[in-house]
Amino acid sequence: MKKIITTTALLLFINGLSLAQDRVKDEAAIHKQVDAMIYSWNHHNYDDLKNYTTEDTDWVNAPGMWWKGREESRYAHQVYHETLFKESVIEKKSVAIRFITKDVAIAHLYWHFSAFTAPDGEKPASDCIATVVYVNQNGKWLMTAAQNVAIDQNVQQYDPVKQMPKH
């Protein structure tokens, strides 16, 4: 009986170690996809969108435009990068990844956008947070949905969580 318990414990430990190694590889793959998305932005070319998104990907930008599917997302990004974002760059600040299942992960991206010229005038540089859903399809992590939100620094001080009692 002692031998069975020891063997079972050893197998569980090895299995857990294997899962942890897989998670490290998965996180690295997701970081690589985040970097690919930033590369597209900084080079103002979205021809490579197919390399890091699913065919049915959705993108909701900061002002609330909802682009459905890879082709709409590619087209809309490209149009804006030929006009108002043609000199804009993104700097990645941090990425937090949480796995929902073995094949689904949520990444929260904190990034900085340089200033750009919008139709109603110049917009200052800003920090944003994006929530991105990744799915593992055939061994490759791909973005299937994302929403970007501009951070309003004027209201950050009023975030009630900052005043929340710590236990």
Protein backbone atom coordinates (compact mmCIF):
# COMPACT_ATOMS: atom_id res chain seq x y z
CA MET A 1 0.00 0.00 0.00
CA LYS A 2 2.85 2.38 0.90
CA LYS A 3 4.44 1.68 -2.51
CA ILE A 4 1.17 2.54 -4.33
CA ILE A 5 0.82 5.83 -2.44
CA THR A 6 4.46 6.75 -3.10
CA THR A 7 4.14 5.89 -6.80
CA THR A 8 0.90 7.85 -7.11
CA ALA A 9 2.44 10.88 -5.38
CA LEU A 10 5.47 10.70 -7.67
CA LEU A 11 3.29 10.52 -10.78
CA LEU A 12 1.20 13.47 -9.61
CA PHE A 13 4.38 15.48 -8.96
CA ILE A 14 5.78 14.66 -12.42
CA ASN A 15 2.45 15.51 -14.05
CA GLY A 16 2.31 18.83 -12.17
CA LEU A 17 5.87 19.62 -13.22
CA SER A 18 4.96 18.91 -16.84
CA LEU A 19 1.90 21.20 -16.64
CA ALA A 20 4.01 23.98 -15.13
CA GLN A 21 6.55 23.66 -17.96
CA ASP A 22 3.71 23.76 -20.50
CA ARG A 23 2.34 26.94 -18.89
CA VAL A 24 5.75 28.60 -19.15
CA LYS A 25 5.87 27.71 -22.86
CA ASP A 26 2.27 28.90 -23.34
CA GLU A 27 2.98 32.22 -21.62
CA ALA A 28 6.08 32.73 -23.77
CA ALA A 29 4.03 32.01 -26.91
CA ILE A 30 1.36 34.51 -25.86
CA HIS A 31 4.02 37.15 -25.14
CA LYS A 32 5.38 36.52 -28.63
CA GLN A 33 1.91 37.13 -30.10
CA VAL A 34 1.53 40.35 -28.10
CA ASP A 35 4.88 41.47 -29.52
CA ALA A 36 3.69 40.60 -33.04
CA MET A 37 0.63 42.81 -32.55
CA ILE A 38 2.84 45.68 -31.33
CA TYR A 39 5.18 45.12 -34.28
CA SER A 40 2.24 45.58 -36.68
CA TRP A 41 1.27 48.82 -34.96
CA ASN A 42 4.79 50.24 -34.83
CA HIS A 43 5.47 49.34 -38.48
CA HIS A 44 2.01 50.53 -39.60
CA ASN A 45 1.35 47.39 -41.59
CA TYR A 46 -1.33 44.83 -40.75
CA ASP A 47 -0.67 42.30 -43.53
CA ASP A 48 0.60 39.92 -40.83
CA LEU A 49 -2.61 40.01 -38.74
CA LYS A 50 -3.37 36.46 -39.90
CA ASN A 51 -0.29 35.27 -38.01
CA TYR A 52 -1.64 36.20 -34.58
CA THR A 53 -5.46 36.29 -34.84
CA THR A 54 -8.25 33.81 -35.47
CA GLU A 55 -10.36 34.21 -38.59
CA ASP A 56 -13.34 35.27 -36.43
CA THR A 57 -11.40 37.65 -34.18
CA ASP A 58 -13.19 40.70 -32.79
CA TRP A 59 -11.58 44.02 -31.92
CA VAL A 60 -13.21 46.86 -29.95
CA ASN A 61 -11.08 50.00 -30.02
CA ALA A 62 -10.94 52.71 -27.33
CA PRO A 63 -13.68 54.90 -28.87
CA GLY A 64 -15.97 51.87 -29.14
CA MET A 65 -15.77 50.77 -32.77
CA TRP A 66 -16.38 47.01 -33.05
CA TRP A 67 -14.58 45.29 -35.90
CA LYS A 68 -15.86 41.78 -36.52
CA GLY A 69 -13.60 39.21 -38.09
CA ARG A 70 -10.01 39.31 -39.22
CA GLU A 71 -10.68 41.16 -42.48
CA GLU A 72 -12.55 44.06 -40.82
CA SER A 73 -9.88 44.27 -38.12
CA ARG A 74 -7.07 44.28 -40.66
CA TYR A 75 -8.77 46.80 -42.92
CA ALA A 76 -9.73 49.25 -40.16
CA HIS A 77 -6.31 49.16 -38.51
CA GLN A 78 -4.60 49.66 -41.86
CA VAL A 79 -6.81 52.64 -42.80
CA TYR A 80 -6.04 54.36 -39.51
CA HIS A 81 -2.33 53.62 -39.81
CA GLU A 82 -2.22 55.28 -43.19
CA THR A 83 -3.80 58.40 -41.67
CA LEU A 84 -3.99 59.34 -38.00
CA PHE A 85 -1.65 56.67 -36.55
CA LYS A 86 0.98 56.80 -39.30
CA GLU A 87 3.63 57.99 -36.84
CA SER A 88 2.23 56.55 -33.62
CA VAL A 89 4.09 53.87 -31.70
CA ILE A 90 3.21 51.60 -28.79
CA GLU A 91 5.45 50.74 -25.89
CA LYS A 92 4.52 47.63 -23.93
CA LYS A 93 4.55 48.26 -20.18
CA SER A 94 3.31 44.93 -18.81
CA VAL A 95 1.32 41.83 -19.64
CA ALA A 96 -0.63 39.73 -17.12
CA ILE A 97 -1.85 36.35 -18.35
CA ARG A 98 -4.52 34.20 -16.72
CA PHE A 99 -5.44 30.79 -18.11
CA ILE A 100 -9.15 30.04 -18.16
CA THR A 101 -8.69 26.53 -19.56
CA LYS A 102 -5.69 24.78 -21.06
CA ASP A 103 -6.58 26.32 -24.44
CA VAL A 104 -8.01 29.72 -23.44
CA ALA A 105 -6.17 32.61 -21.80
CA ILE A 106 -6.91 36.23 -20.98
CA ALA A 107 -4.10 38.75 -21.24
CA HIS A 108 -4.32 42.24 -19.80
CA LEU A 109 -1.90 44.48 -21.66
CA TYR A 110 -0.78 47.75 -20.18
CA TRP A 111 0.81 49.85 -22.91
CA HIS A 112 1.68 53.41 -23.82
CA PHE A 113 0.56 55.03 -27.07
CA SER A 114 2.45 58.01 -28.46
CA ALA A 115 0.55 61.12 -29.52
CA PHE A 116 -1.34 61.10 -32.81
CA THR A 117 -3.43 63.50 -34.86
CA ALA A 118 -7.12 62.69 -34.81
CA PRO A 119 -9.68 64.32 -37.12
CA ASP A 120 -10.75 66.64 -34.27
CA GLY A 121 -7.19 67.63 -33.35
CA GLU A 122 -4.03 66.23 -31.79
CA LYS A 123 -4.46 63.63 -29.08
CA PRO A 124 -1.78 63.47 -26.41
CA ALA A 125 0.17 60.35 -25.60
CA SER A 126 -1.77 58.02 -23.34
CA ASP A 127 -1.66 54.81 -21.42
CA CYS A 128 -4.18 52.12 -22.26
CA ILE A 129 -5.26 48.73 -21.00
CA ALA A 130 -6.37 46.04 -23.41
CA THR A 131 -8.11 42.82 -22.52
CA VAL A 132 -7.20 40.16 -25.06
CA VAL A 133 -8.60 36.64 -25.26
CA TYR A 134 -6.25 34.05 -26.72
CA VAL A 135 -7.15 30.54 -27.85
CA ASN A 136 -4.79 27.72 -28.64
CA GLN A 137 -5.58 26.41 -32.12
CA ASN A 138 -3.48 23.56 -33.44
CA GLY A 139 -0.68 24.38 -31.01
CA LYS A 140 -0.61 28.12 -31.79
CA TRP A 141 -1.93 30.85 -29.50
CA LEU A 142 -4.12 33.30 -31.45
CA MET A 143 -6.06 36.41 -30.43
CA THR A 144 -9.80 35.84 -30.80
CA ALA A 145 -11.15 38.98 -29.10
CA ALA A 146 -9.76 42.23 -27.72
CA GLN A 147 -10.89 45.52 -26.29
CA ASN A 148 -8.65 48.52 -25.71
CA VAL A 149 -9.47 51.21 -23.14
CA ALA A 150 -7.72 54.56 -22.73
CA ILE A 151 -6.81 55.23 -19.11
CA ASP A 152 -8.15 58.55 -17.83
CA GLN A 153 -5.44 59.70 -15.43
CA ASN A 154 -7.74 62.39 -13.99
CA VAL A 155 -10.08 59.81 -12.45
CA GLN A 156 -7.55 57.18 -11.36
CA GLN A 157 -7.29 58.75 -7.91
CA TYR A 158 -10.99 58.01 -7.37
CA ASP A 159 -10.68 54.27 -7.92
CA PRO A 160 -12.44 52.80 -4.85
CA VAL A 161 -10.21 49.73 -4.90
CA LYS A 162 -7.29 51.97 -3.94
CA GLN A 163 -9.15 52.75 -0.67
CA MET A 164 -10.29 49.18 -0.07
CA PRO A 165 -9.34 47.69 3.30
CA LYS A 166 -6.63 45.05 3.00
CA HIS A 167 -7.16 41.77 4.83
